[in-house]
């Protein structure tokens, strides 16, 4: 008899054989599960205490999960504690005892790892997720070490006691006065509201006029600060006078109160009528209005 004929099964036999194999697999699996349940280790009270303590132990640097940048922190207590702490040095256990959340502690660690420093308690208020109420409760307990203050605070920088009176002149007091016709630019800059610009303007205008005969003449300077007028006085109104019968047309027109047409009218009058005796001799000329004559009178002679 050949081996092939010996191992041959008809269709019904094959069905029976497959059924028996399936039942055998189920029986084996049942016994395997039963043995595993019966082999569970019964923990002693001491083992339970050790396992309970291990739940609160942070991972060490040698743990595989720590090397994979997974952090584990102790579970915070139900009621936050209050004690003095330095956010630059406090560890995760202390921060969690204060009532901070795990992700907030991770943010603090990342901030310190990147070089961030809490230099004052207000810096801790920028912690993401920290509410005003929580910060107000923690604020009295935040104590930052002097080691984290800026190095510049070691030295006491004292302000200069001497003042540069050239660049920043000491201004006059309200009761002080200055002689308008004799003050130079340095003295004028002591008047409140007068700087280098207006000091030069006053001196230049005074030279062109031949001196001021009225303090109100300062208003003729463009944009002159009116609040500065009260600081000037005129002990005398002596001014340089122009001799209208001797000066040329060009010399006459240099004065601020005489324009070209007025200077030409003076020269023409002298040529046609002889020397002037007063400004009233020019009153019929259209350029010599009563206002122009009144303004010019303190500065002319005959």
Protein backbone atom coordinates (compact mmCIF):
# COMPACT_ATOMS: atom_id res chain seq x y z
CA UNK A 1 0.00 0.00 0.00
CA UNK A 2 1.32 3.37 -0.99
CA UNK A 3 1.73 6.24 1.56
CA UNK A 4 -0.57 8.46 -0.47
CA UNK A 5 -3.36 5.95 -0.19
CA UNK A 6 -2.76 5.59 3.54
CA UNK A 7 -3.09 9.36 4.21
CA UNK A 8 -6.13 9.82 2.03
CA UNK A 9 -9.36 10.91 3.76
CA UNK A 10 -12.72 11.31 2.23
CA UNK A 11 -14.75 14.47 2.57
CA UNK A 12 -16.69 13.48 5.70
CA UNK A 13 -13.53 12.34 7.47
CA UNK A 14 -11.84 15.64 6.75
CA UNK A 15 -14.76 17.57 8.29
CA UNK A 16 -14.59 15.49 11.45
CA UNK A 17 -10.84 15.95 11.69
CA UNK A 18 -11.05 19.74 11.32
CA UNK A 19 -13.77 19.89 13.98
CA UNK A 20 -11.62 17.97 16.43
CA UNK A 21 -8.63 20.22 15.80
CA UNK A 22 -10.72 23.35 16.44
CA UNK A 23 -12.04 21.92 19.71
CA UNK A 24 -8.51 21.06 20.81
CA UNK A 25 -7.37 24.65 20.17
CA UNK A 26 -10.25 26.03 22.21
CA UNK A 27 -9.48 23.73 25.12
CA UNK A 28 -5.80 24.71 25.11
CA UNK A 29 -6.66 28.43 25.00
CA UNK A 30 -9.11 28.03 27.88
CA UNK A 31 -6.53 26.39 30.10
CA UNK A 32 -3.92 29.03 29.23
CA UNK A 33 -6.20 31.87 30.30
CA UNK A 34 -7.14 30.05 33.45
CA UNK A 35 -3.51 29.54 34.44
CA UNK A 36 -2.64 33.22 33.85
CA UNK A 37 -5.45 34.43 36.11
CA UNK A 38 -4.48 32.01 38.85
CA UNK A 39 -0.82 33.13 38.70
CA UNK A 40 -1.52 36.82 39.62
CA UNK A 41 0.81 37.99 42.40
CA UNK A 42 -0.78 38.90 45.65
CA UNK A 43 0.87 42.14 46.94
CA UNK A 44 1.73 42.50 50.56
CA UNK A 45 0.99 45.78 52.40
CA UNK A 46 4.71 46.67 52.21
CA UNK A 47 4.76 46.13 48.42
CA UNK A 48 1.69 48.32 48.03
CA UNK A 49 3.36 51.15 49.96
CA UNK A 50 6.46 50.94 47.76
CA UNK A 51 4.37 51.06 44.59
CA UNK A 52 2.38 54.02 45.95
CA UNK A 53 5.60 55.94 46.63
CA UNK A 54 6.91 55.16 43.15
CA UNK A 55 3.91 56.98 41.66
CA UNK A 56 5.23 60.28 43.06
CA UNK A 57 8.88 59.74 42.16
CA UNK A 58 10.13 61.91 39.24
CA UNK A 59 11.94 60.06 36.53
CA UNK A 60 15.71 60.04 36.93
CA UNK A 61 18.15 61.11 34.24
CA UNK A 62 18.89 57.47 33.46
CA UNK A 63 15.27 56.51 32.76
CA UNK A 64 14.43 55.69 29.17
CA UNK A 65 11.37 58.00 29.12
CA UNK A 66 13.44 60.91 30.46
CA UNK A 67 15.92 60.50 27.62
CA UNK A 68 12.99 60.65 25.22
CA UNK A 69 12.14 64.17 26.61
CA UNK A 70 9.02 62.93 28.44
CA UNK A 71 8.71 64.60 31.83
CA UNK A 72 6.85 63.27 34.83
CA UNK A 73 5.95 65.45 37.82
CA UNK A 74 4.55 64.67 41.19
CA UNK A 75 0.79 64.84 41.46
CA UNK A 76 -0.19 68.16 43.13
CA UNK A 77 -2.00 68.12 46.41
CA UNK A 78 -5.63 69.11 46.65
CA UNK A 79 -5.00 72.32 48.63
CA UNK A 80 -2.18 74.64 47.33
CA UNK A 81 0.51 75.40 49.87
CA UNK A 82 2.02 78.82 50.47
CA UNK A 83 5.73 79.23 51.20
CA UNK A 84 8.59 81.46 50.05
CA UNK A 85 10.08 80.43 46.71
CA UNK A 86 12.40 81.74 44.02
CA UNK A 87 11.00 81.07 40.51
CA UNK A 88 14.58 80.91 39.21
CA UNK A 89 15.54 77.95 41.39
CA UNK A 90 12.31 76.26 42.55
CA UNK A 91 12.00 72.63 41.41
CA UNK A 92 8.92 70.94 39.99
CA UNK A 93 7.81 69.52 43.35
CA UNK A 94 7.77 72.95 44.97
CA UNK A 95 5.99 74.55 42.03
CA UNK A 96 3.31 71.90 42.02
CA UNK A 97 2.81 72.25 45.78
CA UNK A 98 2.11 75.95 45.15
CA UNK A 99 -0.86 74.95 43.01
CA UNK A 100 0.65 75.41 39.55
CA UNK A 101 -0.36 73.00 36.81
CA UNK A 102 2.03 70.56 35.20
CA UNK A 103 2.08 72.36 31.85
CA UNK A 104 2.81 75.65 33.65
CA UNK A 105 5.77 74.01 35.40
CA UNK A 106 7.01 72.76 32.03
CA UNK A 107 6.80 76.31 30.66
CA UNK A 108 8.86 77.59 33.60
CA UNK A 109 11.50 74.95 32.99
CA UNK A 110 11.63 75.78 29.27
CA UNK A 111 11.90 79.50 30.02
CA UNK A 112 14.81 78.94 32.41
CA UNK A 113 16.48 76.48 30.03
CA UNK A 114 16.43 79.08 27.25
CA UNK A 115 18.25 81.60 29.47
CA UNK A 116 15.22 83.43 30.84
CA UNK A 117 15.53 85.01 34.30
CA UNK A 118 12.88 86.35 36.64
CA UNK A 119 14.46 89.60 37.84
CA UNK A 120 11.43 90.90 39.72
CA UNK A 121 8.17 89.39 40.99
CA UNK A 122 6.19 91.14 38.23
CA UNK A 123 8.04 89.01 35.65
CA UNK A 124 6.41 85.90 37.10
CA UNK A 125 2.98 87.38 36.32
CA UNK A 126 3.70 86.77 32.61
CA UNK A 127 3.43 83.00 33.17
CA UNK A 128 0.87 81.73 30.67
CA UNK A 129 -2.39 80.68 32.29
CA UNK A 130 -1.70 82.37 35.64
CA UNK A 131 -4.77 84.31 36.76
CA UNK A 132 -4.80 87.60 38.65
CA UNK A 133 -6.15 85.92 41.75
CA UNK A 134 -3.41 83.30 41.71
CA UNK A 135 -0.72 85.92 41.19
CA UNK A 136 -2.03 88.10 44.04
CA UNK A 137 -1.90 85.07 46.33
CA UNK A 138 1.64 84.10 45.24
CA UNK A 139 3.08 87.64 45.11
CA UNK A 140 3.96 87.93 48.85
CA UNK A 141 5.89 84.62 48.67
CA UNK A 142 8.04 85.41 45.62
CA UNK A 143 11.56 86.16 46.82
CA UNK A 144 14.13 86.56 44.04
CA UNK A 145 17.78 86.24 45.00
CA UNK A 146 20.11 89.21 44.49
CA UNK A 147 22.28 86.94 42.34
CA UNK A 148 19.78 87.33 39.49
CA UNK A 149 19.72 91.14 39.49
CA UNK A 150 21.48 93.07 36.73
CA UNK A 151 25.19 93.62 37.36
CA UNK A 152 24.76 97.36 36.82
CA UNK A 153 22.91 97.58 40.14
CA UNK A 154 26.18 96.94 41.98
CA UNK A 155 27.32 100.49 41.32
CA UNK A 156 25.56 103.62 42.48
CA UNK A 157 25.57 106.08 39.64
CA UNK A 158 25.21 109.61 41.00
CA UNK A 159 23.95 112.35 38.69
CA UNK A 160 26.32 115.16 37.86
CA UNK A 161 26.09 117.98 40.37
CA UNK A 162 27.47 120.63 38.05
CA UNK A 163 25.26 122.06 35.35
CA UNK A 164 26.44 123.15 31.93
CA UNK A 165 25.29 126.76 32.07
CA UNK A 166 26.52 127.39 28.52
CA UNK A 167 24.20 124.87 26.87
CA UNK A 168 21.46 125.13 29.49
CA UNK A 169 21.59 128.62 31.06
CA UNK A 170 19.91 129.15 34.39
CA UNK A 171 16.77 131.16 33.68
CA UNK A 172 15.87 134.41 35.43
CA UNK A 173 13.37 134.49 38.26
CA UNK A 174 10.05 136.30 37.72
CA UNK A 175 11.14 139.32 39.77
CA UNK A 176 14.44 139.79 37.89
CA UNK A 177 14.85 142.23 34.97
CA UNK A 178 17.37 142.76 32.15
CA UNK A 179 18.40 145.99 30.39
CA UNK A 180 17.33 145.54 26.80
CA UNK A 181 19.79 147.95 25.11
CA UNK A 182 22.94 146.65 26.84
CA UNK A 183 22.44 142.88 27.22
CA UNK A 184 24.52 140.60 25.01
CA UNK A 185 23.44 137.22 23.63
CA UNK A 186 24.73 135.33 26.69
CA UNK A 187 22.67 137.46 29.08
CA UNK A 188 19.61 137.32 26.81
CA UNK A 189 19.58 133.51 26.91
CA UNK A 190 18.88 133.65 30.66
CA UNK A 191 15.45 135.15 29.91
CA UNK A 192 12.69 132.48 30.00
CA UNK A 193 11.55 131.74 26.47
CA UNK A 194 14.71 133.15 24.87
CA UNK A 195 17.27 130.80 23.38
CA UNK A 196 20.21 131.24 21.05
CA UNK A 197 17.95 131.95 18.05
CA UNK A 198 15.97 134.83 19.57
CA UNK A 199 19.05 136.17 21.39
CA UNK A 200 20.77 136.68 18.02
CA UNK A 201 17.58 138.12 16.52
CA UNK A 202 17.33 140.72 19.31
CA UNK A 203 20.97 141.83 19.01
CA UNK A 204 20.82 142.06 15.20
CA UNK A 205 17.56 144.02 15.22
CA UNK A 206 18.91 146.35 17.93
CA UNK A 207 21.98 147.12 15.81
CA UNK A 208 19.88 147.88 12.73
CA UNK A 209 17.55 150.16 14.69
CA UNK A 210 20.29 151.93 16.58
CA UNK A 211 18.77 150.76 19.88
CA UNK A 212 15.31 150.16 21.29
CA UNK A 213 13.23 153.07 22.55
CA UNK A 214 10.30 150.82 23.57
CA UNK A 215 10.10 147.25 24.80
CA UNK A 216 7.09 146.69 22.53
CA UNK A 217 9.45 146.93 19.55
CA UNK A 218 10.40 143.31 20.32
CA UNK A 219 6.99 142.33 18.92
CA UNK A 220 8.30 143.35 15.50
CA UNK A 221 10.55 140.27 15.59
CA UNK A 222 8.70 137.41 13.93
CA UNK A 223 7.24 134.81 16.37
CA UNK A 224 8.79 136.51 19.38
CA UNK A 225 7.49 134.97 22.66
CA UNK A 226 5.28 137.62 24.28
CA UNK A 227 5.73 136.03 27.71
CA UNK A 228 9.37 137.20 27.71
CA UNK A 229 8.52 140.93 27.44
CA UNK A 230 8.03 141.35 31.19
CA UNK A 231 11.69 140.48 31.88
CA UNK A 232 13.08 143.57 30.03
CA UNK A 233 13.52 147.17 31.10
CA UNK A 234 14.83 150.33 29.41
CA UNK A 235 16.78 152.39 31.96
CA UNK A 236 17.24 154.93 29.16
CA UNK A 237 15.98 155.21 25.62
CA UNK A 238 19.14 156.65 24.11
CA UNK A 239 19.36 155.52 20.49
CA UNK A 240 21.55 156.33 17.53
CA UNK A 241 19.88 159.00 15.38
CA UNK A 242 20.05 159.45 11.62
CA UNK A 243 20.76 162.85 10.11
CA UNK A 244 18.27 162.94 7.24
CA UNK A 245 20.04 165.92 5.61
CA UNK A 246 23.42 164.17 5.31
CA UNK A 247 22.92 160.44 4.66
CA UNK A 248 22.78 159.00 1.16
CA UNK A 249 19.90 157.02 -0.22
CA UNK A 250 21.67 153.68 0.43
CA UNK A 251 22.50 154.64 4.03
CA UNK A 252 18.93 155.74 4.69
CA UNK A 253 17.32 152.55 3.38
CA UNK A 254 19.41 150.36 5.71
CA UNK A 255 17.21 151.42 8.62
CA UNK A 256 14.30 149.04 9.28
CA UNK A 257 11.79 151.92 9.37
CA UNK A 258 12.82 153.47 6.02
CA UNK A 259 12.10 151.64 2.77
CA UNK A 260 13.41 152.53 -0.69
CA UNK A 261 10.51 154.83 -1.62
CA UNK A 262 10.79 156.75 1.64
CA UNK A 263 14.58 157.13 1.26
CA UNK A 264 14.11 158.38 -2.32
CA UNK A 265 11.44 160.86 -1.14
CA UNK A 266 13.86 162.29 1.45
CA UNK A 267 16.67 162.66 -1.11
CA UNK A 268 14.29 164.25 -3.66
CA UNK A 269 12.97 166.73 -1.09
CA UNK A 270 16.49 167.81 -0.18
CA UNK A 271 17.35 168.25 -3.86
CA UNK A 272 14.22 170.26 -4.64
CA UNK A 273 13.49 172.13 -1.40
CA UNK A 274 16.69 172.11 0.59
CA UNK A 275 17.37 170.61 4.05
CA UNK A 276 14.50 169.14 6.04
CA UNK A 277 13.56 170.83 9.27
CA UNK A 278 11.27 168.03 10.57
CA UNK A 279 9.47 164.94 9.39
CA UNK A 280 6.35 167.04 9.01
CA UNK A 281 7.92 168.42 5.83
CA UNK A 282 7.26 164.96 4.33
CA UNK A 283 3.69 164.56 5.56
CA UNK A 284 2.24 165.28 2.12
CA UNK A 285 4.14 162.34 0.60
CA UNK A 286 2.01 159.23 0.32
CA UNK A 287 4.73 156.97 1.82
CA UNK A 288 4.97 159.03 5.02
CA UNK A 289 1.75 158.22 6.81
CA UNK A 290 1.18 159.51 10.37
CA UNK A 291 2.06 156.06 11.68
CA UNK A 292 5.33 155.94 9.71
CA UNK A 293 6.32 159.43 10.88
CA UNK A 294 5.53 158.61 14.53
CA UNK A 295 7.58 155.41 14.40
CA UNK A 296 10.58 157.09 12.76
CA UNK A 297 10.73 160.27 14.87
CA UNK A 298 12.84 158.79 17.76
CA UNK A 299 15.58 157.81 15.27
CA UNK A 300 16.10 161.00 13.16
CA UNK A 301 17.71 164.40 13.57
CA UNK A 302 18.28 167.38 11.32
